[in-house]
All heavy atoms as atom14 arrays in JSON, in Angstrom:
{
  "sequence": "PSRATAFYCPYCGDEDLRPEKDGAWLCGSCRRVFSVTFIGLQIPEV",
  "atom14_mask": [
    [1, 1, 1, 1, 1, 1, 1, 0, 0, 0, 0, 0, 0, 0],
    [1, 1, 1, 1, 1, 1, 0, 0, 0, 0, 0, 0, 0, 0],
    [1, 1, 1, 1, 1, 1, 1, 1, 1, 1, 1, 0, 0, 0],
    [1, 1, 1, 1, 1, 0, 0, 0, 0, 0, 0, 0, 0, 0],
    [1, 1, 1, 1, 1, 1, 1, 0, 0, 0, 0, 0, 0, 0],
    [1, 1, 1, 1, 1, 0, 0, 0, 0, 0, 0, 0, 0, 0],
    [1, 1, 1, 1, 1, 1, 1, 1, 1, 1, 1, 0, 0, 0],
    [1, 1, 1, 1, 1, 1, 1, 1, 1, 1, 1, 1, 0, 0],
    [1, 1, 1, 1, 1, 1, 0, 0, 0, 0, 0, 0, 0, 0],
    [1, 1, 1, 1, 1, 1, 1, 0, 0, 0, 0, 0, 0, 0],
    [1, 1, 1, 1, 1, 1, 1, 1, 1, 1, 1, 1, 0, 0],
    [1, 1, 1, 1, 1, 1, 0, 0, 0, 0, 0, 0, 0, 0],
    [1, 1, 1, 1, 0, 0, 0, 0, 0, 0, 0, 0, 0, 0],
    [1, 1, 1, 1, 1, 1, 1, 1, 0, 0, 0, 0, 0, 0],
    [1, 1, 1, 1, 1, 1, 1, 1, 1, 0, 0, 0, 0, 0],
    [1, 1, 1, 1, 1, 1, 1, 1, 0, 0, 0, 0, 0, 0],
    [1, 1, 1, 1, 1, 1, 1, 1, 0, 0, 0, 0, 0, 0],
    [1, 1, 1, 1, 1, 1, 1, 1, 1, 1, 1, 0, 0, 0],
    [1, 1, 1, 1, 1, 1, 1, 0, 0, 0, 0, 0, 0, 0],
    [1, 1, 1, 1, 1, 1, 1, 1, 1, 0, 0, 0, 0, 0],
    [1, 1, 1, 1, 1, 1, 1, 1, 1, 0, 0, 0, 0, 0],
    [1, 1, 1, 1, 1, 1, 1, 1, 0, 0, 0, 0, 0, 0],
    [1, 1, 1, 1, 0, 0, 0, 0, 0, 0, 0, 0, 0, 0],
    [1, 1, 1, 1, 1, 0, 0, 0, 0, 0, 0, 0, 0, 0],
    [1, 1, 1, 1, 1, 1, 1, 1, 1, 1, 1, 1, 1, 1],
    [1, 1, 1, 1, 1, 1, 1, 1, 0, 0, 0, 0, 0, 0],
    [1, 1, 1, 1, 1, 1, 0, 0, 0, 0, 0, 0, 0, 0],
    [1, 1, 1, 1, 0, 0, 0, 0, 0, 0, 0, 0, 0, 0],
    [1, 1, 1, 1, 1, 1, 0, 0, 0, 0, 0, 0, 0, 0],
    [1, 1, 1, 1, 1, 1, 0, 0, 0, 0, 0, 0, 0, 0],
    [1, 1, 1, 1, 1, 1, 1, 1, 1, 1, 1, 0, 0, 0],
    [1, 1, 1, 1, 1, 1, 1, 1, 1, 1, 1, 0, 0, 0],
    [1, 1, 1, 1, 1, 1, 1, 0, 0, 0, 0, 0, 0, 0],
    [1, 1, 1, 1, 1, 1, 1, 1, 1, 1, 1, 0, 0, 0],
    [1, 1, 1, 1, 1, 1, 0, 0, 0, 0, 0, 0, 0, 0],
    [1, 1, 1, 1, 1, 1, 1, 0, 0, 0, 0, 0, 0, 0],
    [1, 1, 1, 1, 1, 1, 1, 0, 0, 0, 0, 0, 0, 0],
    [1, 1, 1, 1, 1, 1, 1, 1, 1, 1, 1, 0, 0, 0],
    [1, 1, 1, 1, 1, 1, 1, 1, 0, 0, 0, 0, 0, 0],
    [1, 1, 1, 1, 0, 0, 0, 0, 0, 0, 0, 0, 0, 0],
    [1, 1, 1, 1, 1, 1, 1, 1, 0, 0, 0, 0, 0, 0],
    [1, 1, 1, 1, 1, 1, 1, 1, 1, 0, 0, 0, 0, 0],
    [1, 1, 1, 1, 1, 1, 1, 1, 0, 0, 0, 0, 0, 0],
    [1, 1, 1, 1, 1, 1, 1, 0, 0, 0, 0, 0, 0, 0],
    [1, 1, 1, 1, 1, 1, 1, 1, 1, 0, 0, 0, 0, 0],
    [1, 1, 1, 1, 1, 1, 1, 0, 0, 0, 0, 0, 0, 0]
  ],
  "atom14_positions": [
    [[65.44, 43.57, 196.85], [66.12, 44.79, 196.48], [66.24, 45.9, 197.38], [67.0, 46.82, 197.39], [65.38, 45.21, 195.21], [64.35, 44.17, 194.99], [64.4, 43.15, 196.06], [0.0, 0.0, 0.0], [0.0, 0.0, 0.0], [0.0, 0.0, 0.0], [0.0, 0.0, 0.0], [0.0, 0.0, 0.0], [0.0, 0.0, 0.0], [0.0, 0.0, 0.0]],
    [[65.23, 45.95, 198.36], [65.28, 47.06, 199.39], [66.16, 46.86, 200.58], [66.27, 47.76, 201.37], [63.8, 47.25, 199.86], [63.35, 46.08, 200.6], [0.0, 0.0, 0.0], [0.0, 0.0, 0.0], [0.0, 0.0, 0.0], [0.0, 0.0, 0.0], [0.0, 0.0, 0.0], [0.0, 0.0, 0.0], [0.0, 0.0, 0.0], [0.0, 0.0, 0.0]],
    [[66.83, 45.65, 200.6], [67.65, 45.35, 201.71], [69.21, 45.61, 201.3], [69.61, 45.05, 200.32], [67.54, 43.91, 202.09], [68.38, 43.46, 203.22], [68.24, 42.0, 203.58], [66.94, 41.46, 203.61], [66.34, 41.35, 204.83], [66.93, 41.6, 205.9], [65.09, 40.84, 204.88], [0.0, 0.0, 0.0], [0.0, 0.0, 0.0], [0.0, 0.0, 0.0]],
    [[69.84, 46.37, 202.14], [71.35, 46.62, 201.87], [71.98, 45.34, 202.43], [71.69, 44.86, 203.44], [71.8, 47.82, 202.56], [0.0, 0.0, 0.0], [0.0, 0.0, 0.0], [0.0, 0.0, 0.0], [0.0, 0.0, 0.0], [0.0, 0.0, 0.0], [0.0, 0.0, 0.0], [0.0, 0.0, 0.0], [0.0, 0.0, 0.0], [0.0, 0.0, 0.0]],
    [[72.97, 44.82, 201.69], [73.68, 43.61, 202.08], [74.67, 43.87, 203.08], [75.6, 44.65, 202.85], [74.13, 42.91, 200.72], [73.17, 42.72, 199.83], [74.82, 41.66, 201.15], [0.0, 0.0, 0.0], [0.0, 0.0, 0.0], [0.0, 0.0, 0.0], [0.0, 0.0, 0.0], [0.0, 0.0, 0.0], [0.0, 0.0, 0.0], [0.0, 0.0, 0.0]],
    [[74.66, 43.07, 204.17], [75.81, 43.1, 205.12], [76.67, 41.84, 204.9], [76.05, 40.82, 204.74], [75.21, 43.1, 206.5], [0.0, 0.0, 0.0], [0.0, 0.0, 0.0], [0.0, 0.0, 0.0], [0.0, 0.0, 0.0], [0.0, 0.0, 0.0], [0.0, 0.0, 0.0], [0.0, 0.0, 0.0], [0.0, 0.0, 0.0], [0.0, 0.0, 0.0]],
    [[77.95, 42.0, 204.95], [78.82, 40.85, 204.72], [79.44, 40.36, 206.02], [79.94, 39.23, 206.1], [79.99, 41.21, 203.68], [79.46, 41.53, 202.42], [79.31, 42.84, 201.9], [79.06, 40.54, 201.57], [78.86, 43.11, 200.69], [78.54, 40.71, 200.29], [78.44, 42.06, 199.85], [0.0, 0.0, 0.0], [0.0, 0.0, 0.0], [0.0, 0.0, 0.0]],
    [[79.42, 41.3, 207.01], [79.91, 40.78, 208.33], [79.35, 41.74, 209.49], [78.81, 42.77, 209.13], [81.46, 40.94, 208.47], [82.07, 42.34, 208.25], [82.19, 43.27, 209.27], [82.34, 42.73, 206.91], [82.61, 44.46, 209.06], [82.82, 43.99, 206.73], [82.95, 44.91, 207.79], [83.43, 46.1, 207.57], [0.0, 0.0, 0.0], [0.0, 0.0, 0.0]],
    [[79.19, 41.27, 210.69], [78.69, 41.95, 211.72], [79.62, 43.08, 212.09], [80.75, 42.93, 212.37], [78.48, 41.09, 212.93], [77.9, 41.84, 214.44], [0.0, 0.0, 0.0], [0.0, 0.0, 0.0], [0.0, 0.0, 0.0], [0.0, 0.0, 0.0], [0.0, 0.0, 0.0], [0.0, 0.0, 0.0], [0.0, 0.0, 0.0], [0.0, 0.0, 0.0]],
    [[79.05, 44.33, 212.26], [79.89, 45.47, 212.58], [80.33, 45.46, 214.03], [81.15, 46.24, 214.49], [78.95, 46.69, 212.35], [77.57, 46.15, 212.36], [77.68, 44.71, 212.01], [0.0, 0.0, 0.0], [0.0, 0.0, 0.0], [0.0, 0.0, 0.0], [0.0, 0.0, 0.0], [0.0, 0.0, 0.0], [0.0, 0.0, 0.0], [0.0, 0.0, 0.0]],
    [[79.74, 44.58, 214.84], [80.05, 44.48, 216.35], [81.19, 43.45, 216.66], [82.09, 43.8, 217.37], [78.84, 44.24, 217.23], [77.79, 45.31, 216.96], [76.76, 45.19, 216.06], [77.92, 46.44, 217.71], [75.81, 46.14, 215.93], [77.05, 47.54, 217.47], [75.93, 47.37, 216.65], [75.07, 48.38, 216.47], [0.0, 0.0, 0.0], [0.0, 0.0, 0.0]],
    [[80.97, 42.2, 216.03], [81.96, 41.16, 216.43], [82.63, 40.71, 215.21], [83.69, 40.0, 215.3], [81.2, 40.02, 216.99], [80.2, 39.06, 215.81], [0.0, 0.0, 0.0], [0.0, 0.0, 0.0], [0.0, 0.0, 0.0], [0.0, 0.0, 0.0], [0.0, 0.0, 0.0], [0.0, 0.0, 0.0], [0.0, 0.0, 0.0], [0.0, 0.0, 0.0]],
    [[82.32, 41.05, 213.94], [83.12, 40.78, 212.7], [82.77, 39.39, 212.22], [83.27, 38.96, 211.15], [0.0, 0.0, 0.0], [0.0, 0.0, 0.0], [0.0, 0.0, 0.0], [0.0, 0.0, 0.0], [0.0, 0.0, 0.0], [0.0, 0.0, 0.0], [0.0, 0.0, 0.0], [0.0, 0.0, 0.0], [0.0, 0.0, 0.0], [0.0, 0.0, 0.0]],
    [[81.77, 38.58, 212.77], [81.41, 37.31, 212.2], [80.59, 37.45, 210.94], [80.02, 38.45, 210.69], [80.63, 36.6, 213.35], [80.6, 35.1, 213.09], [81.52, 34.56, 212.51], [79.52, 34.41, 213.35], [0.0, 0.0, 0.0], [0.0, 0.0, 0.0], [0.0, 0.0, 0.0], [0.0, 0.0, 0.0], [0.0, 0.0, 0.0], [0.0, 0.0, 0.0]],
    [[80.64, 36.41, 210.23], [79.95, 36.43, 208.86], [78.58, 35.57, 208.89], [77.98, 35.44, 207.9], [80.83, 35.89, 207.83], [82.08, 36.82, 207.55], [82.92, 36.25, 206.58], [82.78, 35.16, 206.05], [83.99, 36.94, 206.21], [0.0, 0.0, 0.0], [0.0, 0.0, 0.0], [0.0, 0.0, 0.0], [0.0, 0.0, 0.0], [0.0, 0.0, 0.0]],
    [[78.13, 35.09, 210.1], [76.94, 34.27, 210.27], [75.82, 35.22, 210.35], [75.34, 35.47, 211.49], [77.1, 33.34, 211.47], [75.86, 32.47, 211.51], [75.12, 32.4, 210.53], [75.72, 31.88, 212.61], [0.0, 0.0, 0.0], [0.0, 0.0, 0.0], [0.0, 0.0, 0.0], [0.0, 0.0, 0.0], [0.0, 0.0, 0.0], [0.0, 0.0, 0.0]],
    [[75.35, 35.82, 209.25], [74.25, 36.76, 209.31], [72.99, 36.14, 208.71], [73.01, 35.42, 207.77], [74.59, 38.03, 208.55], [75.89, 38.81, 209.04], [76.13, 39.98, 208.12], [75.73, 39.21, 210.49], [0.0, 0.0, 0.0], [0.0, 0.0, 0.0], [0.0, 0.0, 0.0], [0.0, 0.0, 0.0], [0.0, 0.0, 0.0], [0.0, 0.0, 0.0]],
    [[71.78, 36.51, 209.31], [70.48, 36.03, 208.87], [69.55, 37.12, 208.73], [69.54, 38.02, 209.58], [69.96, 35.03, 209.98], [70.91, 33.85, 210.2], [70.47, 33.08, 211.27], [71.64, 32.12, 211.59], [71.86, 31.55, 212.73], [71.02, 31.79, 213.76], [72.83, 30.67, 212.99], [0.0, 0.0, 0.0], [0.0, 0.0, 0.0], [0.0, 0.0, 0.0]],
    [[68.78, 37.22, 207.69], [67.84, 38.33, 207.44], [66.78, 38.29, 208.5], [66.32, 37.26, 208.93], [67.29, 37.97, 206.06], [68.12, 37.04, 205.47], [68.82, 36.36, 206.54], [0.0, 0.0, 0.0], [0.0, 0.0, 0.0], [0.0, 0.0, 0.0], [0.0, 0.0, 0.0], [0.0, 0.0, 0.0], [0.0, 0.0, 0.0], [0.0, 0.0, 0.0]],
    [[66.42, 39.51, 208.98], [65.33, 39.73, 209.96], [64.25, 40.55, 209.34], [64.32, 40.94, 208.1], [65.83, 40.45, 211.2], [66.62, 39.45, 212.05], [65.83, 38.56, 212.92], [64.86, 38.93, 213.54], [66.12, 37.36, 212.86], [0.0, 0.0, 0.0], [0.0, 0.0, 0.0], [0.0, 0.0, 0.0], [0.0, 0.0, 0.0], [0.0, 0.0, 0.0]],
    [[63.19, 40.89, 210.02], [62.11, 41.72, 209.49], [62.55, 43.16, 209.28], [63.52, 43.64, 209.97], [60.92, 41.8, 210.55], [60.32, 40.44, 210.69], [59.22, 40.53, 211.72], [58.69, 39.09, 211.95], [57.57, 39.26, 212.98], [0.0, 0.0, 0.0], [0.0, 0.0, 0.0], [0.0, 0.0, 0.0], [0.0, 0.0, 0.0], [0.0, 0.0, 0.0]],
    [[61.94, 43.86, 208.44], [62.15, 45.29, 208.14], [63.59, 45.63, 207.59], [64.12, 46.7, 208.06], [61.72, 46.15, 209.33], [60.3, 45.93, 209.67], [59.49, 45.84, 208.75], [59.94, 46.01, 210.86], [0.0, 0.0, 0.0], [0.0, 0.0, 0.0], [0.0, 0.0, 0.0], [0.0, 0.0, 0.0], [0.0, 0.0, 0.0], [0.0, 0.0, 0.0]],
    [[64.26, 44.79, 206.98], [65.57, 44.97, 206.41], [66.66, 44.79, 207.44], [67.77, 45.3, 207.15], [0.0, 0.0, 0.0], [0.0, 0.0, 0.0], [0.0, 0.0, 0.0], [0.0, 0.0, 0.0], [0.0, 0.0, 0.0], [0.0, 0.0, 0.0], [0.0, 0.0, 0.0], [0.0, 0.0, 0.0], [0.0, 0.0, 0.0], [0.0, 0.0, 0.0]],
    [[66.46, 44.18, 208.53], [67.48, 44.09, 209.62], [68.25, 42.81, 209.4], [67.87, 41.92, 208.67], [66.94, 44.18, 211.04], [0.0, 0.0, 0.0], [0.0, 0.0, 0.0], [0.0, 0.0, 0.0], [0.0, 0.0, 0.0], [0.0, 0.0, 0.0], [0.0, 0.0, 0.0], [0.0, 0.0, 0.0], [0.0, 0.0, 0.0], [0.0, 0.0, 0.0]],
    [[69.39, 42.67, 210.13], [70.23, 41.46, 210.04], [70.42, 40.93, 211.49], [70.56, 41.73, 212.41], [71.52, 41.71, 209.41], [71.45, 42.04, 208.01], [71.31, 43.31, 207.45], [71.32, 41.09, 206.93], [71.23, 43.22, 206.1], [71.24, 41.92, 205.67], [71.44, 39.77, 206.78], [71.19, 41.29, 204.46], [71.33, 39.15, 205.53], [71.16, 39.94, 204.37]],
    [[70.43, 39.64, 211.72], [70.79, 39.01, 213.01], [72.11, 38.36, 212.95], [72.27, 37.49, 211.98], [69.59, 38.0, 213.38], [70.0, 36.99, 214.53], [70.1, 37.79, 215.84], [68.96, 35.85, 214.61], [0.0, 0.0, 0.0], [0.0, 0.0, 0.0], [0.0, 0.0, 0.0], [0.0, 0.0, 0.0], [0.0, 0.0, 0.0], [0.0, 0.0, 0.0]],
    [[72.95, 38.67, 213.83], [74.29, 38.03, 213.88], [74.08, 36.75, 214.61], [73.6, 36.78, 215.77], [75.26, 38.92, 214.5], [76.92, 38.13, 214.67], [0.0, 0.0, 0.0], [0.0, 0.0, 0.0], [0.0, 0.0, 0.0], [0.0, 0.0, 0.0], [0.0, 0.0, 0.0], [0.0, 0.0, 0.0], [0.0, 0.0, 0.0], [0.0, 0.0, 0.0]],
    [[74.46, 35.61, 214.05], [74.41, 34.29, 214.74], [75.37, 34.15, 215.88], [75.28, 33.27, 216.76], [0.0, 0.0, 0.0], [0.0, 0.0, 0.0], [0.0, 0.0, 0.0], [0.0, 0.0, 0.0], [0.0, 0.0, 0.0], [0.0, 0.0, 0.0], [0.0, 0.0, 0.0], [0.0, 0.0, 0.0], [0.0, 0.0, 0.0], [0.0, 0.0, 0.0]],
    [[76.4, 34.92, 215.84], [77.47, 34.74, 216.92], [77.12, 35.61, 218.06], [77.11, 35.05, 219.22], [78.78, 35.25, 216.24], [79.84, 35.06, 217.27], [0.0, 0.0, 0.0], [0.0, 0.0, 0.0], [0.0, 0.0, 0.0], [0.0, 0.0, 0.0], [0.0, 0.0, 0.0], [0.0, 0.0, 0.0], [0.0, 0.0, 0.0], [0.0, 0.0, 0.0]],
    [[76.97, 36.98, 217.96], [76.71, 37.8, 219.18], [75.31, 38.07, 219.42], [74.96, 38.75, 220.41], [77.53, 39.11, 219.02], [76.96, 40.22, 217.71], [0.0, 0.0, 0.0], [0.0, 0.0, 0.0], [0.0, 0.0, 0.0], [0.0, 0.0, 0.0], [0.0, 0.0, 0.0], [0.0, 0.0, 0.0], [0.0, 0.0, 0.0], [0.0, 0.0, 0.0]],
    [[74.42, 37.65, 218.54], [72.98, 37.77, 218.61], [72.41, 39.21, 218.52], [71.29, 39.46, 218.81], [72.4, 37.13, 219.88], [72.86, 35.68, 220.09], [72.4, 34.78, 218.97], [70.96, 34.64, 218.92], [70.27, 34.11, 217.99], [70.92, 33.43, 217.03], [68.95, 34.01, 218.04], [0.0, 0.0, 0.0], [0.0, 0.0, 0.0], [0.0, 0.0, 0.0]],
    [[73.24, 40.12, 218.04], [72.83, 41.53, 217.92], [72.05, 41.59, 216.57], [72.3, 40.9, 215.54], [74.0, 42.45, 217.85], [74.69, 42.61, 219.16], [75.78, 43.71, 219.08], [76.23, 44.1, 220.36], [77.41, 43.71, 220.89], [78.18, 42.94, 220.23], [77.77, 44.07, 222.05], [0.0, 0.0, 0.0], [0.0, 0.0, 0.0], [0.0, 0.0, 0.0]],
    [[71.02, 42.44, 216.54], [70.19, 42.74, 215.31], [70.53, 44.19, 214.91], [70.56, 45.14, 215.77], [68.76, 42.63, 215.67], [67.92, 42.97, 214.4], [68.44, 41.17, 216.1], [0.0, 0.0, 0.0], [0.0, 0.0, 0.0], [0.0, 0.0, 0.0], [0.0, 0.0, 0.0], [0.0, 0.0, 0.0], [0.0, 0.0, 0.0], [0.0, 0.0, 0.0]],
    [[70.89, 44.35, 213.62], [71.25, 45.68, 213.14], [70.71, 45.82, 211.73], [70.31, 44.88, 211.13], [72.83, 45.87, 213.25], [73.49, 44.89, 212.35], [73.91, 45.22, 211.0], [73.87, 43.68, 212.81], [74.54, 44.38, 210.27], [74.62, 42.79, 212.04], [74.9, 43.08, 210.68], [0.0, 0.0, 0.0], [0.0, 0.0, 0.0], [0.0, 0.0, 0.0]],
    [[70.82, 47.03, 211.21], [70.36, 47.32, 209.85], [71.54, 48.15, 209.13], [72.29, 48.8, 209.86], [69.07, 48.14, 209.84], [69.24, 49.4, 210.4], [0.0, 0.0, 0.0], [0.0, 0.0, 0.0], [0.0, 0.0, 0.0], [0.0, 0.0, 0.0], [0.0, 0.0, 0.0], [0.0, 0.0, 0.0], [0.0, 0.0, 0.0], [0.0, 0.0, 0.0]],
    [[71.51, 48.01, 207.82], [72.42, 48.75, 206.98], [71.64, 49.59, 206.1], [70.72, 49.14, 205.5], [73.31, 47.8, 206.25], [74.33, 48.47, 205.32], [74.07, 46.83, 207.11], [0.0, 0.0, 0.0], [0.0, 0.0, 0.0], [0.0, 0.0, 0.0], [0.0, 0.0, 0.0], [0.0, 0.0, 0.0], [0.0, 0.0, 0.0], [0.0, 0.0, 0.0]],
    [[72.04, 50.88, 205.98], [71.32, 51.83, 205.17], [72.25, 52.37, 204.11], [73.31, 52.89, 204.44], [70.7, 52.98, 206.03], [69.93, 52.39, 207.06], [69.86, 53.85, 205.18], [0.0, 0.0, 0.0], [0.0, 0.0, 0.0], [0.0, 0.0, 0.0], [0.0, 0.0, 0.0], [0.0, 0.0, 0.0], [0.0, 0.0, 0.0], [0.0, 0.0, 0.0]],
    [[71.81, 52.29, 202.91], [72.65, 52.93, 201.75], [72.01, 54.34, 201.61], [70.85, 54.44, 201.23], [72.6, 52.13, 200.49], [73.27, 52.67, 199.38], [74.59, 52.76, 199.21], [72.53, 53.34, 198.32], [75.24, 53.28, 198.18], [73.13, 53.88, 197.24], [74.49, 53.82, 197.24], [0.0, 0.0, 0.0], [0.0, 0.0, 0.0], [0.0, 0.0, 0.0]],
    [[72.79, 55.36, 201.75], [72.26, 56.68, 201.66], [72.42, 57.22, 200.25], [71.55, 57.89, 199.77], [73.0, 57.66, 202.63], [72.66, 57.19, 204.13], [72.59, 59.08, 202.43], [73.35, 57.85, 205.17], [0.0, 0.0, 0.0], [0.0, 0.0, 0.0], [0.0, 0.0, 0.0], [0.0, 0.0, 0.0], [0.0, 0.0, 0.0], [0.0, 0.0, 0.0]],
    [[73.58, 56.94, 199.6], [73.71, 57.41, 198.21], [75.26, 57.54, 197.99], [76.04, 57.13, 198.65], [0.0, 0.0, 0.0], [0.0, 0.0, 0.0], [0.0, 0.0, 0.0], [0.0, 0.0, 0.0], [0.0, 0.0, 0.0], [0.0, 0.0, 0.0], [0.0, 0.0, 0.0], [0.0, 0.0, 0.0], [0.0, 0.0, 0.0], [0.0, 0.0, 0.0]],
    [[75.53, 58.17, 196.71], [76.82, 58.39, 196.34], [77.17, 59.86, 196.35], [76.26, 60.69, 195.98], [77.07, 57.86, 194.96], [76.98, 56.34, 194.67], [77.08, 56.05, 193.26], [78.01, 55.68, 195.54], [0.0, 0.0, 0.0], [0.0, 0.0, 0.0], [0.0, 0.0, 0.0], [0.0, 0.0, 0.0], [0.0, 0.0, 0.0], [0.0, 0.0, 0.0]],
    [[78.31, 60.26, 196.71], [78.65, 61.63, 196.7], [79.81, 61.8, 195.69], [80.87, 61.33, 195.84], [79.11, 62.1, 198.12], [79.45, 63.67, 198.07], [79.69, 64.06, 199.48], [79.76, 63.3, 200.48], [79.99, 65.37, 199.59], [0.0, 0.0, 0.0], [0.0, 0.0, 0.0], [0.0, 0.0, 0.0], [0.0, 0.0, 0.0], [0.0, 0.0, 0.0]],
    [[79.55, 62.64, 194.69], [80.61, 62.96, 193.69], [81.32, 64.23, 194.06], [80.65, 65.22, 194.3], [79.93, 63.04, 192.3], [79.22, 61.78, 191.95], [81.03, 63.39, 191.22], [78.41, 61.76, 190.71], [0.0, 0.0, 0.0], [0.0, 0.0, 0.0], [0.0, 0.0, 0.0], [0.0, 0.0, 0.0], [0.0, 0.0, 0.0], [0.0, 0.0, 0.0]],
    [[82.62, 64.15, 194.24], [83.38, 65.38, 194.58], [83.25, 66.44, 193.57], [83.29, 66.11, 192.33], [84.73, 64.85, 194.82], [84.85, 63.68, 194.03], [83.45, 63.05, 193.97], [0.0, 0.0, 0.0], [0.0, 0.0, 0.0], [0.0, 0.0, 0.0], [0.0, 0.0, 0.0], [0.0, 0.0, 0.0], [0.0, 0.0, 0.0], [0.0, 0.0, 0.0]],
    [[83.1, 67.69, 194.04], [83.08, 68.88, 193.07], [84.5, 69.15, 192.54], [85.49, 69.11, 193.36], [82.52, 70.01, 193.82], [81.05, 69.88, 194.17], [80.49, 71.15, 194.74], [81.07, 72.28, 194.57], [79.46, 70.99, 195.51], [0.0, 0.0, 0.0], [0.0, 0.0, 0.0], [0.0, 0.0, 0.0], [0.0, 0.0, 0.0], [0.0, 0.0, 0.0]],
    [[84.62, 69.48, 191.32], [85.89, 69.76, 190.74], [85.99, 71.28, 190.63], [85.11, 71.95, 190.02], [86.08, 69.09, 189.33], [87.33, 69.55, 188.69], [85.84, 67.59, 189.44], [0.0, 0.0, 0.0], [0.0, 0.0, 0.0], [0.0, 0.0, 0.0], [0.0, 0.0, 0.0], [0.0, 0.0, 0.0], [0.0, 0.0, 0.0], [0.0, 0.0, 0.0]]
  ]
}
C-alpha cells in the first residue's frame, strides 16, 4: 500500500518494471531506478 504504482519508465517508456527497496522501481530496459510519489489531490476553488 505504501508504494505508488508505476506503469511505464519515465525515461525510456518501457513497461518492464520491477519493485526495488524503499518504494523504488527498476526498469529492466534502461536499468534506471526511480521512485513515484503521490502527493495528493488538489480541488480547485470555486
